[in-house]
N, C-alpha and C. Protein backbone atom coordinates (compact mmCIF):
# COMPACT_ATOMS: atom_id res chain seq x y z
N LEU A 1 103.59 107.29 118.52
CA LEU A 1 103.56 108.70 118.18
C LEU A 1 103.80 109.57 119.41
N GLU A 2 104.37 108.96 120.42
CA GLU A 2 104.69 109.76 121.60
C GLU A 2 105.70 110.82 121.23
N PRO A 3 105.63 111.98 121.77
CA PRO A 3 104.88 112.41 122.95
C PRO A 3 103.52 113.03 122.60
N PHE A 4 103.05 112.85 121.39
CA PHE A 4 101.83 113.50 120.95
C PHE A 4 100.59 112.71 121.39
N TRP A 5 99.47 113.42 121.50
CA TRP A 5 98.20 112.79 121.86
C TRP A 5 97.65 112.04 120.66
N SER A 6 97.09 110.87 120.90
CA SER A 6 96.44 110.08 119.85
C SER A 6 95.29 109.29 120.46
N ASP A 7 94.26 109.08 119.70
CA ASP A 7 93.15 108.23 120.12
C ASP A 7 92.37 107.82 118.89
N ALA A 8 91.51 106.87 119.05
CA ALA A 8 90.63 106.41 117.98
C ALA A 8 89.20 106.50 118.47
N ALA A 9 88.28 106.64 117.54
CA ALA A 9 86.87 106.68 117.90
C ALA A 9 86.36 105.26 118.07
N CYS A 10 85.60 105.03 119.13
CA CYS A 10 84.94 103.74 119.31
C CYS A 10 83.73 103.74 118.37
N PRO A 11 83.70 102.88 117.36
CA PRO A 11 82.61 102.92 116.39
C PRO A 11 81.25 102.52 116.97
N VAL A 12 81.24 101.86 118.09
CA VAL A 12 79.98 101.44 118.70
C VAL A 12 79.37 102.57 119.53
N GLU A 13 80.20 103.19 120.38
CA GLU A 13 79.70 104.21 121.30
C GLU A 13 79.98 105.63 120.85
N GLY A 14 80.96 105.83 119.97
CA GLY A 14 81.30 107.17 119.52
C GLY A 14 82.19 107.94 120.47
N ASN A 15 82.67 107.29 121.53
CA ASN A 15 83.56 107.93 122.50
C ASN A 15 85.01 107.60 122.17
N ALA A 16 85.92 108.19 122.96
CA ALA A 16 87.33 107.88 122.81
C ALA A 16 87.54 106.39 123.08
N HIS A 17 88.28 105.73 122.21
CA HIS A 17 88.50 104.29 122.36
C HIS A 17 89.51 103.99 123.47
N PHE A 18 90.57 104.75 123.54
CA PHE A 18 91.63 104.50 124.51
C PHE A 18 91.61 105.49 125.66
N GLY A 19 91.14 106.69 125.41
CA GLY A 19 91.15 107.73 126.43
C GLY A 19 89.89 107.74 127.26
N THR A 20 89.72 108.82 128.00
CA THR A 20 88.57 109.00 128.87
C THR A 20 87.33 109.34 128.05
N SER A 21 86.25 108.64 128.32
CA SER A 21 84.99 108.93 127.64
C SER A 21 84.41 110.25 128.16
N THR A 22 83.82 111.01 127.25
CA THR A 22 83.18 112.27 127.62
C THR A 22 81.78 112.28 127.03
N SER A 23 81.11 113.40 127.14
CA SER A 23 79.77 113.50 126.57
C SER A 23 79.81 113.78 125.07
N SER A 24 81.00 114.02 124.52
CA SER A 24 81.14 114.26 123.08
C SER A 24 81.09 112.93 122.34
N ILE A 25 80.30 112.90 121.28
CA ILE A 25 80.12 111.68 120.49
C ILE A 25 80.60 111.94 119.06
N TYR A 26 81.37 111.02 118.51
CA TYR A 26 81.80 111.08 117.12
C TYR A 26 81.08 109.96 116.37
N ASN A 27 80.30 110.33 115.37
CA ASN A 27 79.56 109.35 114.58
C ASN A 27 80.48 108.82 113.47
N GLU A 28 80.99 107.62 113.68
CA GLU A 28 81.94 107.01 112.74
C GLU A 28 81.34 106.85 111.35
N LEU A 29 80.11 106.39 111.27
CA LEU A 29 79.46 106.20 109.97
C LEU A 29 79.34 107.53 109.23
N GLU A 30 78.92 108.55 109.93
CA GLU A 30 78.78 109.86 109.30
C GLU A 30 80.14 110.42 108.87
N GLY A 31 81.13 110.26 109.72
CA GLY A 31 82.47 110.74 109.39
C GLY A 31 83.05 110.08 108.16
N LEU A 32 82.94 108.76 108.08
CA LEU A 32 83.51 108.03 106.94
C LEU A 32 82.75 108.29 105.64
N THR A 33 81.43 108.45 105.74
CA THR A 33 80.66 108.69 104.52
C THR A 33 80.77 110.14 104.06
N GLN A 34 80.83 111.09 104.99
CA GLN A 34 80.91 112.50 104.63
C GLN A 34 82.34 112.92 104.26
N LEU A 35 83.32 112.53 105.08
CA LEU A 35 84.69 113.00 104.87
C LEU A 35 85.45 112.19 103.82
N LEU A 36 85.26 110.88 103.82
CA LEU A 36 86.00 110.02 102.88
C LEU A 36 85.14 109.54 101.72
N LYS A 37 83.87 109.89 101.76
CA LYS A 37 82.92 109.52 100.69
C LYS A 37 82.77 108.01 100.55
N TYR A 38 82.92 107.26 101.67
CA TYR A 38 82.66 105.83 101.66
C TYR A 38 81.16 105.61 101.49
N SER A 39 80.80 104.51 100.88
CA SER A 39 79.40 104.13 100.79
C SER A 39 79.01 103.42 102.08
N SER A 40 77.71 103.33 102.31
CA SER A 40 77.22 102.59 103.47
C SER A 40 75.92 101.89 103.10
N VAL A 41 75.58 100.89 103.90
CA VAL A 41 74.35 100.14 103.72
C VAL A 41 73.55 100.26 105.01
N PRO A 42 72.29 100.71 104.93
CA PRO A 42 71.49 100.80 106.15
C PRO A 42 71.10 99.41 106.67
N ILE A 43 71.30 99.21 107.96
CA ILE A 43 70.92 97.96 108.62
C ILE A 43 70.13 98.35 109.86
N GLY A 44 68.82 98.27 109.79
CA GLY A 44 67.98 98.67 110.92
C GLY A 44 68.19 100.14 111.22
N CYS A 45 68.49 100.45 112.49
CA CYS A 45 68.71 101.84 112.88
C CYS A 45 70.16 102.26 112.69
N CYS A 46 71.01 101.35 112.25
CA CYS A 46 72.44 101.63 112.08
C CYS A 46 72.82 101.51 110.61
N GLY A 47 74.09 101.48 110.35
CA GLY A 47 74.57 101.28 108.99
C GLY A 47 75.92 100.59 109.01
N ILE A 48 76.29 100.06 107.89
CA ILE A 48 77.59 99.42 107.72
C ILE A 48 78.35 100.21 106.67
N VAL A 49 79.57 100.60 107.00
CA VAL A 49 80.42 101.31 106.06
C VAL A 49 81.00 100.31 105.07
N LEU A 50 81.05 100.69 103.82
CA LEU A 50 81.65 99.84 102.79
C LEU A 50 82.98 100.45 102.36
N HIS A 51 84.05 99.77 102.69
CA HIS A 51 85.39 100.22 102.30
C HIS A 51 85.48 100.13 100.78
N PRO A 52 86.14 101.11 100.13
CA PRO A 52 86.21 101.10 98.67
C PRO A 52 86.84 99.83 98.08
N THR A 53 87.78 99.23 98.78
CA THR A 53 88.44 98.02 98.28
C THR A 53 87.88 96.76 98.91
N TRP A 54 87.74 96.75 100.23
CA TRP A 54 87.40 95.52 100.95
C TRP A 54 85.91 95.42 101.32
N GLN A 55 85.13 96.41 100.95
CA GLN A 55 83.69 96.41 101.22
C GLN A 55 83.39 96.13 102.70
N ARG A 56 82.61 95.09 102.99
CA ARG A 56 82.23 94.79 104.38
C ARG A 56 83.28 93.98 105.12
N ARG A 57 84.37 93.62 104.45
CA ARG A 57 85.42 92.81 105.08
C ARG A 57 86.42 93.67 105.83
N ALA A 58 86.19 94.96 105.93
CA ALA A 58 87.08 95.87 106.67
C ALA A 58 86.27 96.58 107.74
N TYR A 59 86.95 97.03 108.78
CA TYR A 59 86.29 97.74 109.86
C TYR A 59 87.04 99.06 110.07
N PRO A 60 86.77 100.06 109.22
CA PRO A 60 87.50 101.32 109.34
C PRO A 60 87.18 102.04 110.64
N VAL A 61 88.19 102.65 111.23
CA VAL A 61 88.03 103.43 112.46
C VAL A 61 88.81 104.73 112.28
N THR A 62 88.24 105.83 112.72
CA THR A 62 88.90 107.12 112.61
C THR A 62 89.94 107.26 113.73
N PHE A 63 91.13 107.69 113.34
CA PHE A 63 92.24 107.89 114.26
C PHE A 63 92.53 109.38 114.34
N PHE A 64 92.60 109.91 115.55
CA PHE A 64 92.87 111.32 115.77
C PHE A 64 94.22 111.47 116.46
N THR A 65 94.98 112.49 116.07
CA THR A 65 96.27 112.74 116.72
C THR A 65 96.69 114.19 116.53
N THR A 66 97.56 114.63 117.42
CA THR A 66 98.17 115.96 117.28
C THR A 66 99.58 115.84 116.70
N ALA A 67 99.99 114.63 116.38
CA ALA A 67 101.32 114.41 115.80
C ALA A 67 101.39 115.01 114.40
N PRO A 68 102.56 115.47 114.00
CA PRO A 68 102.73 115.98 112.63
C PRO A 68 102.44 114.89 111.61
N SER A 69 101.89 115.27 110.47
CA SER A 69 101.49 114.29 109.46
C SER A 69 102.67 113.44 109.00
N LYS A 70 103.85 114.00 108.88
CA LYS A 70 105.03 113.24 108.46
C LYS A 70 105.31 112.11 109.44
N MET A 71 105.16 112.39 110.71
CA MET A 71 105.40 111.39 111.74
C MET A 71 104.35 110.27 111.65
N VAL A 72 103.11 110.63 111.38
CA VAL A 72 102.04 109.64 111.23
C VAL A 72 102.32 108.76 110.02
N LEU A 73 102.69 109.38 108.90
CA LEU A 73 102.98 108.61 107.69
C LEU A 73 104.16 107.67 107.89
N ASP A 74 105.18 108.12 108.62
CA ASP A 74 106.32 107.25 108.92
C ASP A 74 105.90 106.07 109.79
N ALA A 75 105.02 106.32 110.76
CA ALA A 75 104.53 105.24 111.63
C ALA A 75 103.73 104.22 110.82
N ILE A 76 102.92 104.71 109.90
CA ILE A 76 102.15 103.81 109.03
C ILE A 76 103.09 102.97 108.17
N ALA A 77 104.11 103.62 107.60
CA ALA A 77 105.09 102.89 106.78
C ALA A 77 105.80 101.82 107.60
N GLN A 78 106.09 102.14 108.87
CA GLN A 78 106.76 101.17 109.73
C GLN A 78 105.87 99.96 109.98
N VAL A 79 104.61 100.19 110.28
CA VAL A 79 103.68 99.07 110.52
C VAL A 79 103.52 98.23 109.26
N GLU A 80 103.38 98.91 108.11
CA GLU A 80 103.26 98.17 106.85
C GLU A 80 104.48 97.32 106.59
N ALA A 81 105.67 97.88 106.83
CA ALA A 81 106.90 97.13 106.60
C ALA A 81 107.01 95.94 107.55
N GLU A 82 106.62 96.14 108.81
CA GLU A 82 106.70 95.05 109.79
C GLU A 82 105.77 93.90 109.42
N HIS A 83 104.63 94.22 108.82
CA HIS A 83 103.66 93.19 108.49
C HIS A 83 103.79 92.66 107.07
N SER A 84 104.60 93.30 106.25
CA SER A 84 104.76 92.85 104.87
C SER A 84 106.04 92.03 104.68
N GLY A 85 106.93 92.08 105.65
CA GLY A 85 108.19 91.39 105.53
C GLY A 85 109.25 92.19 104.78
N LEU A 86 108.90 93.40 104.34
CA LEU A 86 109.87 94.25 103.66
C LEU A 86 110.75 94.96 104.68
N PRO A 87 111.97 95.36 104.29
CA PRO A 87 112.83 96.07 105.24
C PRO A 87 112.26 97.47 105.54
N LEU A 88 112.53 97.94 106.75
CA LEU A 88 112.12 99.28 107.13
C LEU A 88 112.91 100.32 106.34
N PRO A 89 112.30 101.47 106.04
CA PRO A 89 113.08 102.55 105.45
C PRO A 89 114.22 102.91 106.39
N PRO A 90 115.37 103.35 105.87
CA PRO A 90 116.55 103.62 106.71
C PRO A 90 116.28 104.53 107.90
N VAL A 91 115.51 105.58 107.72
CA VAL A 91 115.25 106.51 108.83
C VAL A 91 114.50 105.80 109.95
N LEU A 92 113.54 104.95 109.60
CA LEU A 92 112.77 104.24 110.62
C LEU A 92 113.61 103.17 111.30
N ALA A 93 114.44 102.49 110.53
CA ALA A 93 115.32 101.47 111.12
C ALA A 93 116.27 102.11 112.12
N ALA A 94 116.83 103.26 111.77
CA ALA A 94 117.74 103.97 112.67
C ALA A 94 117.00 104.45 113.92
N ALA A 95 115.77 104.90 113.74
CA ALA A 95 114.99 105.42 114.88
C ALA A 95 114.71 104.33 115.90
N GLN A 96 114.61 103.08 115.46
CA GLN A 96 114.33 101.99 116.40
C GLN A 96 115.52 101.71 117.30
N THR A 97 116.73 102.05 116.87
CA THR A 97 117.91 101.70 117.64
C THR A 97 118.58 102.90 118.30
N ASN A 98 118.07 104.11 118.08
CA ASN A 98 118.76 105.30 118.57
C ASN A 98 117.74 106.32 119.08
N ASP A 99 117.61 106.44 120.40
CA ASP A 99 116.64 107.38 120.97
C ASP A 99 116.95 108.82 120.60
N ALA A 100 118.23 109.18 120.48
CA ALA A 100 118.58 110.54 120.10
C ALA A 100 118.07 110.82 118.69
N HIS A 101 118.19 109.83 117.82
CA HIS A 101 117.71 110.00 116.46
C HIS A 101 116.18 110.17 116.45
N THR A 102 115.49 109.43 117.32
CA THR A 102 114.04 109.55 117.41
C THR A 102 113.65 110.96 117.83
N ALA A 103 114.33 111.50 118.82
CA ALA A 103 114.05 112.87 119.26
C ALA A 103 114.32 113.86 118.13
N GLU A 104 115.37 113.63 117.38
CA GLU A 104 115.70 114.50 116.23
C GLU A 104 114.62 114.39 115.16
N ALA A 105 114.13 113.18 114.90
CA ALA A 105 113.07 112.99 113.91
C ALA A 105 111.80 113.71 114.33
N ILE A 106 111.49 113.66 115.63
CA ILE A 106 110.30 114.36 116.12
C ILE A 106 110.46 115.86 115.93
N GLU A 107 111.64 116.39 116.26
CA GLU A 107 111.88 117.83 116.09
C GLU A 107 111.74 118.24 114.63
N LYS A 108 112.30 117.45 113.72
CA LYS A 108 112.19 117.75 112.29
C LYS A 108 110.75 117.69 111.82
N ALA A 109 110.01 116.70 112.31
CA ALA A 109 108.61 116.57 111.93
C ALA A 109 107.79 117.76 112.40
N GLU A 110 108.10 118.24 113.61
CA GLU A 110 107.40 119.41 114.12
C GLU A 110 107.70 120.64 113.29
N GLU A 111 108.94 120.77 112.83
CA GLU A 111 109.32 121.94 112.02
C GLU A 111 108.62 121.94 110.68
N THR A 112 108.40 120.77 110.09
CA THR A 112 107.79 120.70 108.77
C THR A 112 106.27 120.68 108.82
N ALA A 113 105.71 120.51 110.00
CA ALA A 113 104.23 120.45 110.11
C ALA A 113 103.60 121.83 110.04
């Protein structure tokens, strides 16, 4: 998603997973249960989030970015296609081989955001 900023919350510490840690804490359990309405199970002083489909077999993490939503959705589609064995959508396939096209896609995504 370059050149945009992106990071994920560390579910253990609540700090930036990839970036610099600060005194700001993001409570992953609270975010997933309040914002996405996921269920949770209390375990001692903590809790386990239950994914609606995979229950405890998934480890959801909140991802933050300043990238336009269209660009994020395209990146997700690309990852899904790479891991499913399906062909990439034409725009994504072209973007992998043409840097000028990538820059154009970013500009278009910014305009529509």
